[in-house]
Amino acid sequence: MLENYYRELVCFLNAKLGNRQVAEDVVHDAYVRVLERASDTPIEQPRAFLYRTALNLVIDGHRRNALRQSEPLEVLDNEERFAPSSPHASHDQGLRLEMLERALAELPAACRDSFLLRKLEGLSHLQIAERLSISRSLVEKHIVNAMKHCRVRMREWEAH
């Protein structure tokens, strides 16, 4: 049901942000947030909820950017270094990556490829559509479906 608002929300954020790529990224993140929400209470107004989530992500991004601009260079430089993580954290991260790879392997090729081209290579929906010789709207559906599938499968596996 939420995927019905995908294009509309991208257009809305593109008009606000002036950058379609950033708008698409925010919408993807909003979908993930909505899909990850812990509450079992049904969303009464899914369109409004999705818009509010996306706008909150935009506001959070602006706040982070404003904060970063006022931080001294040494702090930013130190943040970029990889802190040695505990063996436990590395193990957990490795397990989550394995689960994600398994979930992606369960998807049809075009769905998986659309998701990976977007998330790993940073291609736009139009570029993915051209590369895979499918419509842009199908690319959008594939990406949303891949996110949903991965989220559901990872929750199932983490519960066991």
N, C-alpha and C. Protein backbone atom coordinates (compact mmCIF):
# COMPACT_ATOMS: atom_id res chain seq x y z
N MET A 1 0.82 -1.19 0.00
CA MET A 1 0.00 0.00 0.00
C MET A 1 0.87 1.26 0.00
N LEU A 2 1.94 1.26 0.78
CA LEU A 2 2.80 2.44 0.86
C LEU A 2 3.48 2.76 -0.47
N GLU A 3 3.78 1.71 -1.26
CA GLU A 3 4.50 1.98 -2.51
C GLU A 3 3.71 2.84 -3.49
N ASN A 4 2.41 2.97 -3.25
CA ASN A 4 1.58 3.83 -4.10
C ASN A 4 2.01 5.30 -4.03
N TYR A 5 2.67 5.67 -2.95
CA TYR A 5 3.03 7.07 -2.73
C TYR A 5 4.48 7.37 -3.10
N TYR A 6 5.20 6.37 -3.56
CA TYR A 6 6.64 6.52 -3.79
C TYR A 6 6.97 7.69 -4.72
N ARG A 7 6.43 7.63 -5.93
CA ARG A 7 6.75 8.65 -6.94
C ARG A 7 6.30 10.04 -6.50
N GLU A 8 5.11 10.09 -5.96
CA GLU A 8 4.55 11.35 -5.49
C GLU A 8 5.46 11.99 -4.43
N LEU A 9 5.95 11.18 -3.50
CA LEU A 9 6.81 11.69 -2.44
C LEU A 9 8.18 12.12 -2.99
N VAL A 10 8.71 11.37 -3.94
CA VAL A 10 9.98 11.76 -4.56
C VAL A 10 9.83 13.11 -5.25
N CYS A 11 8.74 13.30 -5.99
CA CYS A 11 8.50 14.58 -6.68
C CYS A 11 8.38 15.73 -5.67
N PHE A 12 7.65 15.48 -4.60
CA PHE A 12 7.46 16.48 -3.55
C PHE A 12 8.81 16.89 -2.95
N LEU A 13 9.63 15.91 -2.57
CA LEU A 13 10.93 16.22 -1.95
C LEU A 13 11.91 16.80 -2.96
N ASN A 14 11.82 16.35 -4.21
CA ASN A 14 12.68 16.91 -5.25
C ASN A 14 12.42 18.42 -5.40
N ALA A 15 11.14 18.79 -5.35
CA ALA A 15 10.78 20.22 -5.45
C ALA A 15 11.33 21.00 -4.25
N LYS A 16 11.30 20.38 -3.08
CA LYS A 16 11.79 21.05 -1.87
C LYS A 16 13.32 21.11 -1.81
N LEU A 17 13.96 20.01 -2.21
CA LEU A 17 15.41 19.89 -2.05
C LEU A 17 16.19 20.30 -3.30
N GLY A 18 15.54 20.24 -4.46
CA GLY A 18 16.22 20.60 -5.71
C GLY A 18 17.23 19.55 -6.17
N ASN A 19 17.09 18.31 -5.68
CA ASN A 19 18.03 17.26 -6.07
C ASN A 19 17.29 15.93 -6.03
N ARG A 20 17.04 15.37 -7.21
CA ARG A 20 16.24 14.14 -7.28
C ARG A 20 16.94 12.96 -6.59
N GLN A 21 18.25 12.86 -6.76
CA GLN A 21 19.00 11.75 -6.14
C GLN A 21 18.85 11.79 -4.62
N VAL A 22 18.99 12.97 -4.02
CA VAL A 22 18.84 13.11 -2.57
C VAL A 22 17.39 12.81 -2.18
N ALA A 23 16.44 13.29 -2.98
CA ALA A 23 15.02 13.02 -2.70
C ALA A 23 14.75 11.52 -2.69
N GLU A 24 15.29 10.79 -3.67
CA GLU A 24 15.09 9.34 -3.73
C GLU A 24 15.71 8.66 -2.52
N ASP A 25 16.89 9.11 -2.11
CA ASP A 25 17.54 8.53 -0.93
C ASP A 25 16.71 8.75 0.33
N VAL A 26 16.17 9.95 0.48
CA VAL A 26 15.34 10.25 1.66
C VAL A 26 14.09 9.38 1.65
N VAL A 27 13.48 9.23 0.49
CA VAL A 27 12.27 8.40 0.39
C VAL A 27 12.60 6.94 0.73
N HIS A 28 13.73 6.44 0.23
CA HIS A 28 14.14 5.07 0.58
C HIS A 28 14.28 4.95 2.09
N ASP A 29 14.97 5.91 2.70
CA ASP A 29 15.17 5.87 4.15
C ASP A 29 13.84 5.96 4.90
N ALA A 30 12.92 6.76 4.38
CA ALA A 30 11.60 6.88 5.02
C ALA A 30 10.87 5.54 4.96
N TYR A 31 10.93 4.88 3.81
CA TYR A 31 10.28 3.57 3.67
C TYR A 31 10.88 2.58 4.68
N VAL A 32 12.21 2.59 4.80
CA VAL A 32 12.86 1.68 5.75
C VAL A 32 12.40 2.00 7.17
N ARG A 33 12.36 3.28 7.51
CA ARG A 33 11.90 3.67 8.86
C ARG A 33 10.49 3.18 9.13
N VAL A 34 9.61 3.37 8.17
CA VAL A 34 8.21 2.95 8.34
C VAL A 34 8.14 1.43 8.46
N LEU A 35 8.90 0.73 7.63
CA LEU A 35 8.87 -0.74 7.67
C LEU A 35 9.50 -1.29 8.95
N GLU A 36 10.45 -0.53 9.53
CA GLU A 36 11.13 -0.98 10.75
C GLU A 36 10.39 -0.62 12.02
N ARG A 37 9.37 0.18 11.92
CA ARG A 37 8.73 0.67 13.14
C ARG A 37 8.25 -0.47 14.01
N ALA A 38 8.43 -0.30 15.30
CA ALA A 38 8.20 -1.38 16.25
C ALA A 38 6.72 -1.61 16.56
N SER A 39 5.90 -0.61 16.40
CA SER A 39 4.50 -0.70 16.79
C SER A 39 3.71 -1.64 15.91
N ASP A 40 2.81 -2.40 16.53
CA ASP A 40 1.91 -3.27 15.78
C ASP A 40 0.61 -2.56 15.42
N THR A 41 0.45 -1.33 15.92
CA THR A 41 -0.75 -0.54 15.63
C THR A 41 -0.75 -0.17 14.16
N PRO A 42 -1.84 -0.44 13.45
CA PRO A 42 -1.87 -0.08 12.03
C PRO A 42 -1.80 1.43 11.83
N ILE A 43 -1.19 1.83 10.74
CA ILE A 43 -1.08 3.26 10.41
C ILE A 43 -2.41 3.67 9.79
N GLU A 44 -3.08 4.62 10.43
CA GLU A 44 -4.41 5.04 9.95
C GLU A 44 -4.33 5.86 8.67
N GLN A 45 -3.33 6.72 8.58
CA GLN A 45 -3.16 7.55 7.39
C GLN A 45 -1.75 7.34 6.84
N PRO A 46 -1.55 6.26 6.06
CA PRO A 46 -0.20 5.91 5.61
C PRO A 46 0.49 7.00 4.81
N ARG A 47 -0.25 7.70 3.97
CA ARG A 47 0.36 8.76 3.16
C ARG A 47 0.91 9.87 4.05
N ALA A 48 0.12 10.33 4.99
CA ALA A 48 0.56 11.39 5.91
C ALA A 48 1.73 10.91 6.77
N PHE A 49 1.66 9.67 7.22
CA PHE A 49 2.73 9.12 8.06
C PHE A 49 4.04 9.06 7.28
N LEU A 50 3.98 8.62 6.03
CA LEU A 50 5.17 8.52 5.19
C LEU A 50 5.75 9.91 4.91
N TYR A 51 4.90 10.87 4.58
CA TYR A 51 5.36 12.24 4.34
C TYR A 51 6.02 12.81 5.59
N ARG A 52 5.40 12.62 6.75
CA ARG A 52 5.95 13.16 8.00
C ARG A 52 7.31 12.52 8.28
N THR A 53 7.41 11.21 8.07
CA THR A 53 8.67 10.51 8.28
C THR A 53 9.76 11.08 7.36
N ALA A 54 9.43 11.26 6.09
CA ALA A 54 10.40 11.80 5.13
C ALA A 54 10.82 13.22 5.50
N LEU A 55 9.85 14.04 5.86
CA LEU A 55 10.19 15.43 6.25
C LEU A 55 11.04 15.46 7.50
N ASN A 56 10.77 14.57 8.44
CA ASN A 56 11.60 14.49 9.65
C ASN A 56 13.04 14.11 9.30
N LEU A 57 13.20 13.21 8.34
CA LEU A 57 14.55 12.82 7.90
C LEU A 57 15.28 14.00 7.26
N VAL A 58 14.56 14.79 6.47
CA VAL A 58 15.16 15.98 5.85
C VAL A 58 15.60 16.97 6.94
N ILE A 59 14.72 17.20 7.92
CA ILE A 59 15.04 18.12 9.02
C ILE A 59 16.25 17.61 9.80
N ASP A 60 16.26 16.30 10.12
CA ASP A 60 17.41 15.72 10.83
C ASP A 60 18.70 15.91 10.04
N GLY A 61 18.63 15.71 8.73
CA GLY A 61 19.81 15.89 7.88
C GLY A 61 20.31 17.32 7.91
N HIS A 62 19.39 18.29 7.86
CA HIS A 62 19.80 19.70 7.93
C HIS A 62 20.44 20.01 9.28
N ARG A 63 19.87 19.47 10.35
CA ARG A 63 20.45 19.70 11.69
C ARG A 63 21.86 19.13 11.77
N ARG A 64 22.03 17.91 11.28
CA ARG A 64 23.36 17.29 11.31
C ARG A 64 24.36 18.11 10.51
N ASN A 65 23.94 18.57 9.33
CA ASN A 65 24.85 19.38 8.51
C ASN A 65 25.20 20.69 9.19
N ALA A 66 24.23 21.33 9.82
CA ALA A 66 24.49 22.59 10.53
C ALA A 66 25.46 22.36 11.68
N LEU A 67 25.27 21.28 12.40
CA LEU A 67 26.15 20.94 13.53
C LEU A 67 27.55 20.65 13.03
N ARG A 68 27.66 19.89 11.97
CA ARG A 68 28.97 19.53 11.43
C ARG A 68 29.76 20.77 10.99
N GLN A 69 29.05 21.76 10.43
CA GLN A 69 29.74 22.95 9.95
C GLN A 69 30.35 23.75 11.11
N SER A 70 29.83 23.57 12.31
CA SER A 70 30.35 24.34 13.44
C SER A 70 31.37 23.54 14.24
N GLU A 71 31.65 22.29 13.88
CA GLU A 71 32.62 21.48 14.61
C GLU A 71 34.02 21.75 14.09
N PRO A 72 35.01 21.69 14.98
CA PRO A 72 36.39 21.87 14.53
C PRO A 72 36.83 20.72 13.63
N LEU A 73 37.76 21.01 12.75
CA LEU A 73 38.23 20.04 11.77
C LEU A 73 38.77 18.77 12.42
N GLU A 74 39.45 18.91 13.59
CA GLU A 74 40.02 17.73 14.25
C GLU A 74 38.93 16.73 14.63
N VAL A 75 37.78 17.23 15.08
CA VAL A 75 36.68 16.34 15.47
C VAL A 75 36.17 15.58 14.25
N LEU A 76 35.98 16.30 13.15
CA LEU A 76 35.51 15.65 11.92
C LEU A 76 36.52 14.63 11.43
N ASP A 77 37.81 14.97 11.52
CA ASP A 77 38.86 14.08 11.07
C ASP A 77 38.87 12.81 11.92
N ASN A 78 38.73 12.96 13.23
CA ASN A 78 38.73 11.80 14.13
C ASN A 78 37.53 10.91 13.89
N GLU A 79 36.39 11.51 13.55
CA GLU A 79 35.18 10.71 13.30
C GLU A 79 35.35 9.82 12.09
N GLU A 80 36.16 10.24 11.14
CA GLU A 80 36.31 9.49 9.90
C GLU A 80 37.18 8.25 10.10
N ARG A 81 37.99 8.23 11.13
CA ARG A 81 38.83 7.06 11.37
C ARG A 81 37.96 5.90 11.84
N PHE A 82 38.38 4.72 11.46
CA PHE A 82 37.64 3.54 11.91
C PHE A 82 38.09 3.18 13.31
N ALA A 83 37.17 3.27 14.24
CA ALA A 83 37.48 2.89 15.61
C ALA A 83 37.53 1.37 15.67
N PRO A 84 38.51 0.84 16.40
CA PRO A 84 38.54 -0.62 16.50
C PRO A 84 37.28 -1.10 17.21
N SER A 85 36.54 -1.97 16.55
CA SER A 85 35.30 -2.45 17.15
C SER A 85 35.58 -3.73 17.91
N SER A 86 34.72 -4.03 18.84
CA SER A 86 34.89 -5.23 19.63
C SER A 86 34.67 -6.45 18.74
N PRO A 87 35.27 -7.58 19.12
CA PRO A 87 35.04 -8.81 18.32
C PRO A 87 33.55 -9.16 18.27
N HIS A 88 32.83 -8.89 19.36
CA HIS A 88 31.40 -9.19 19.41
C HIS A 88 30.64 -8.35 18.36
N ALA A 89 30.96 -7.04 18.29
CA ALA A 89 30.29 -6.15 17.33
C ALA A 89 30.62 -6.58 15.89
N SER A 90 31.87 -6.95 15.65
CA SER A 90 32.27 -7.39 14.31
C SER A 90 31.54 -8.67 13.93
N HIS A 91 31.40 -9.58 14.89
CA HIS A 91 30.69 -10.84 14.65
C HIS A 91 29.22 -10.56 14.31
N ASP A 92 28.57 -9.69 15.10
CA ASP A 92 27.16 -9.34 14.85
C ASP A 92 27.00 -8.71 13.48
N GLN A 93 27.92 -7.83 13.14
CA GLN A 93 27.87 -7.17 11.84
C GLN A 93 28.03 -8.19 10.72
N GLY A 94 28.92 -9.15 10.91
CA GLY A 94 29.12 -10.20 9.92
C GLY A 94 27.89 -11.06 9.74
N LEU A 95 27.22 -11.40 10.86
CA LEU A 95 25.99 -12.19 10.78
C LEU A 95 24.89 -11.43 10.05
N ARG A 96 24.75 -10.14 10.35
CA ARG A 96 23.72 -9.33 9.69
C ARG A 96 24.01 -9.24 8.18
N LEU A 97 25.25 -9.10 7.83
CA LEU A 97 25.62 -9.05 6.41
C LEU A 97 25.30 -10.37 5.72
N GLU A 98 25.59 -11.49 6.40
CA GLU A 98 25.23 -12.81 5.84
C GLU A 98 23.73 -12.93 5.64
N MET A 99 22.95 -12.49 6.63
CA MET A 99 21.49 -12.56 6.51
C MET A 99 21.00 -11.71 5.35
N LEU A 100 21.58 -10.52 5.20
CA LEU A 100 21.20 -9.64 4.10
C LEU A 100 21.51 -10.29 2.76
N GLU A 101 22.68 -10.90 2.65
CA GLU A 101 23.05 -11.57 1.41
C GLU A 101 22.11 -12.72 1.10
N ARG A 102 21.73 -13.49 2.13
CA ARG A 102 20.77 -14.60 1.93
C ARG A 102 19.41 -14.07 1.47
N ALA A 103 18.95 -12.99 2.11
CA ALA A 103 17.66 -12.40 1.74
C ALA A 103 17.69 -11.90 0.30
N LEU A 104 18.78 -11.24 -0.07
CA LEU A 104 18.90 -10.74 -1.45
C LEU A 104 18.94 -11.89 -2.45
N ALA A 105 19.57 -13.00 -2.08
CA ALA A 105 19.66 -14.16 -2.98
C ALA A 105 18.28 -14.76 -3.25
N GLU A 106 17.33 -14.54 -2.36
CA GLU A 106 15.98 -15.08 -2.55
C GLU A 106 15.15 -14.27 -3.55
N LEU A 107 15.61 -13.08 -3.87
CA LEU A 107 14.85 -12.19 -4.76
C LEU A 107 15.04 -12.55 -6.22
N PRO A 108 14.05 -12.22 -7.06
CA PRO A 108 14.25 -12.37 -8.51
C PRO A 108 15.41 -11.46 -8.94
N ALA A 109 16.09 -11.85 -9.98
CA ALA A 109 17.30 -11.14 -10.43
C ALA A 109 17.08 -9.65 -10.66
N ALA A 110 16.02 -9.27 -11.36
CA ALA A 110 15.81 -7.85 -11.67
C ALA A 110 15.56 -7.04 -10.40
N CYS A 111 14.88 -7.63 -9.45
CA CYS A 111 14.61 -6.96 -8.18
C CYS A 111 15.91 -6.75 -7.41
N ARG A 112 16.70 -7.82 -7.29
CA ARG A 112 17.99 -7.76 -6.59
C ARG A 112 18.94 -6.78 -7.29
N ASP A 113 19.01 -6.87 -8.61
CA ASP A 113 19.91 -5.99 -9.36
C ASP A 113 19.53 -4.53 -9.22
N SER A 114 18.24 -4.23 -9.25
CA SER A 114 17.78 -2.84 -9.08
C SER A 114 18.24 -2.31 -7.73
N PHE A 115 18.03 -3.10 -6.70
CA PHE A 115 18.40 -2.71 -5.34
C PHE A 115 19.92 -2.48 -5.23
N LEU A 116 20.70 -3.42 -5.73
CA LEU A 116 22.15 -3.32 -5.61
C LEU A 116 22.73 -2.18 -6.44
N LEU A 117 22.18 -1.96 -7.63
CA LEU A 117 22.67 -0.86 -8.46
C LEU A 117 22.39 0.48 -7.78
N ARG A 118 21.28 0.57 -7.08
CA ARG A 118 20.94 1.81 -6.38
C ARG A 118 21.79 1.99 -5.13
N LYS A 119 21.82 0.96 -4.29
CA LYS A 119 22.46 1.08 -2.99
C LYS A 119 23.97 0.97 -3.03
N LEU A 120 24.51 0.14 -3.91
CA LEU A 120 25.96 -0.04 -3.95
C LEU A 120 26.65 0.85 -4.97
N GLU A 121 26.01 1.02 -6.13
CA GLU A 121 26.65 1.81 -7.18
C GLU A 121 26.11 3.23 -7.24
N GLY A 122 25.01 3.50 -6.53
CA GLY A 122 24.47 4.86 -6.46
C GLY A 122 23.83 5.34 -7.76
N LEU A 123 23.43 4.41 -8.62
CA LEU A 123 22.80 4.82 -9.88
C LEU A 123 21.41 5.39 -9.61
N SER A 124 20.99 6.29 -10.47
CA SER A 124 19.63 6.85 -10.36
C SER A 124 18.64 5.80 -10.88
N HIS A 125 17.38 6.01 -10.60
CA HIS A 125 16.35 5.08 -11.08
C HIS A 125 16.35 5.03 -12.60
N LEU A 126 16.53 6.18 -13.23
CA LEU A 126 16.55 6.23 -14.69
C LEU A 126 17.73 5.44 -15.25
N GLN A 127 18.91 5.59 -14.63
CA GLN A 127 20.09 4.85 -15.08
C GLN A 127 19.89 3.34 -14.92
N ILE A 128 19.29 2.95 -13.81
CA ILE A 128 19.02 1.52 -13.58
C ILE A 128 18.03 1.01 -14.62
N ALA A 129 16.99 1.78 -14.88
CA ALA A 129 15.98 1.38 -15.88
C ALA A 129 16.63 1.17 -17.24
N GLU A 130 17.52 2.09 -17.62
CA GLU A 130 18.20 1.96 -18.91
C GLU A 130 19.11 0.74 -18.93
N ARG A 131 19.85 0.55 -17.85
CA ARG A 131 20.79 -0.57 -17.80
C ARG A 131 20.07 -1.92 -17.84
N LEU A 132 18.94 -2.02 -17.13
CA LEU A 132 18.22 -3.29 -17.06
C LEU A 132 17.12 -3.43 -18.12
N SER A 133 16.94 -2.38 -18.93
CA SER A 133 15.91 -2.35 -19.98
C SER A 133 14.52 -2.61 -19.41
N ILE A 134 14.21 -1.90 -18.32
CA ILE A 134 12.88 -1.97 -17.72
C ILE A 134 12.41 -0.54 -17.46
N SER A 135 11.15 -0.38 -17.10
CA SER A 135 10.63 0.96 -16.86
C SER A 135 11.12 1.51 -15.51
N ARG A 136 11.13 2.81 -15.43
CA ARG A 136 11.55 3.46 -14.19
C ARG A 136 10.63 3.09 -13.03
N SER A 137 9.33 3.02 -13.29
CA SER A 137 8.40 2.68 -12.21
C SER A 137 8.63 1.25 -11.73
N LEU A 138 9.04 0.36 -12.63
CA LEU A 138 9.35 -1.01 -12.21
C LEU A 138 10.61 -1.02 -11.34
N VAL A 139 11.58 -0.20 -11.68
CA VAL A 139 12.79 -0.07 -10.85
C VAL A 139 12.38 0.36 -9.43
N GLU A 140 11.52 1.37 -9.34
CA GLU A 140 11.08 1.86 -8.04
C GLU A 140 10.39 0.76 -7.24
N LYS A 141 9.52 0.01 -7.91
CA LYS A 141 8.82 -1.10 -7.24
C LYS A 141 9.80 -2.16 -6.78
N HIS A 142 10.77 -2.49 -7.63
CA HIS A 142 11.77 -3.49 -7.27
C HIS A 142 12.54 -3.07 -6.03
N ILE A 143 12.96 -1.82 -5.96
CA ILE A 143 13.75 -1.35 -4.82
C ILE A 143 12.93 -1.41 -3.53
N VAL A 144 11.71 -0.94 -3.59
CA VAL A 144 10.84 -0.98 -2.40
C VAL A 144 10.57 -2.43 -1.99
N ASN A 145 10.28 -3.30 -2.96
CA ASN A 145 10.03 -4.70 -2.64
C ASN A 145 11.27 -5.38 -2.06
N ALA A 146 12.44 -5.05 -2.57
CA ALA A 146 13.68 -5.63 -2.03
C ALA A 146 13.89 -5.18 -0.58
N MET A 147 13.65 -3.91 -0.31
CA MET A 147 13.79 -3.41 1.07
C MET A 147 12.82 -4.12 1.99
N LYS A 148 11.58 -4.26 1.55
CA LYS A 148 10.56 -4.94 2.36
C LYS A 148 10.97 -6.39 2.63
N HIS A 149 11.35 -7.09 1.57
CA HIS A 149 11.71 -8.50 1.69
C HIS A 149 12.89 -8.68 2.66
N CYS A 150 13.92 -7.88 2.49
CA CYS A 150 15.10 -7.99 3.36
C CYS A 150 14.74 -7.70 4.82
N ARG A 151 13.94 -6.70 5.03
CA ARG A 151 13.54 -6.35 6.39
C ARG A 151 12.76 -7.49 7.04
N VAL A 152 11.80 -8.05 6.32
CA VAL A 152 10.97 -9.15 6.85
C VAL A 152 11.84 -10.37 7.15
N ARG A 153 12.69 -10.76 6.20
CA ARG A 153 13.52 -11.96 6.38
C ARG A 153 14.51 -11.78 7.53
N MET A 154 15.12 -10.62 7.63
CA MET A 154 16.09 -10.40 8.70
C MET A 154 15.40 -10.42 10.07
N ARG A 155 14.20 -9.87 10.14
CA ARG A 155 13.44 -9.94 11.40
C ARG A 155 13.14 -11.39 11.76
N GLU A 156 12.72 -12.18 10.76
CA GLU A 156 12.41 -13.58 11.00
C GLU A 156 13.64 -14.32 11.52
N TRP A 157 14.78 -14.12 10.87
CA TRP A 157 16.00 -14.83 11.24
C TRP A 157 16.52 -14.36 12.60
N GLU A 158 16.41 -13.06 12.88
CA GLU A 158 16.87 -12.54 14.18
C GLU A 158 16.00 -13.06 15.32
N ALA A 159 14.75 -13.36 15.02
CA ALA A 159 13.83 -13.85 16.06
C ALA A 159 14.18 -15.29 16.47
N HIS A 160 14.86 -16.01 15.59
CA HIS A 160 15.19 -17.41 15.90
C HIS A 160 16.52 -17.54 16.55
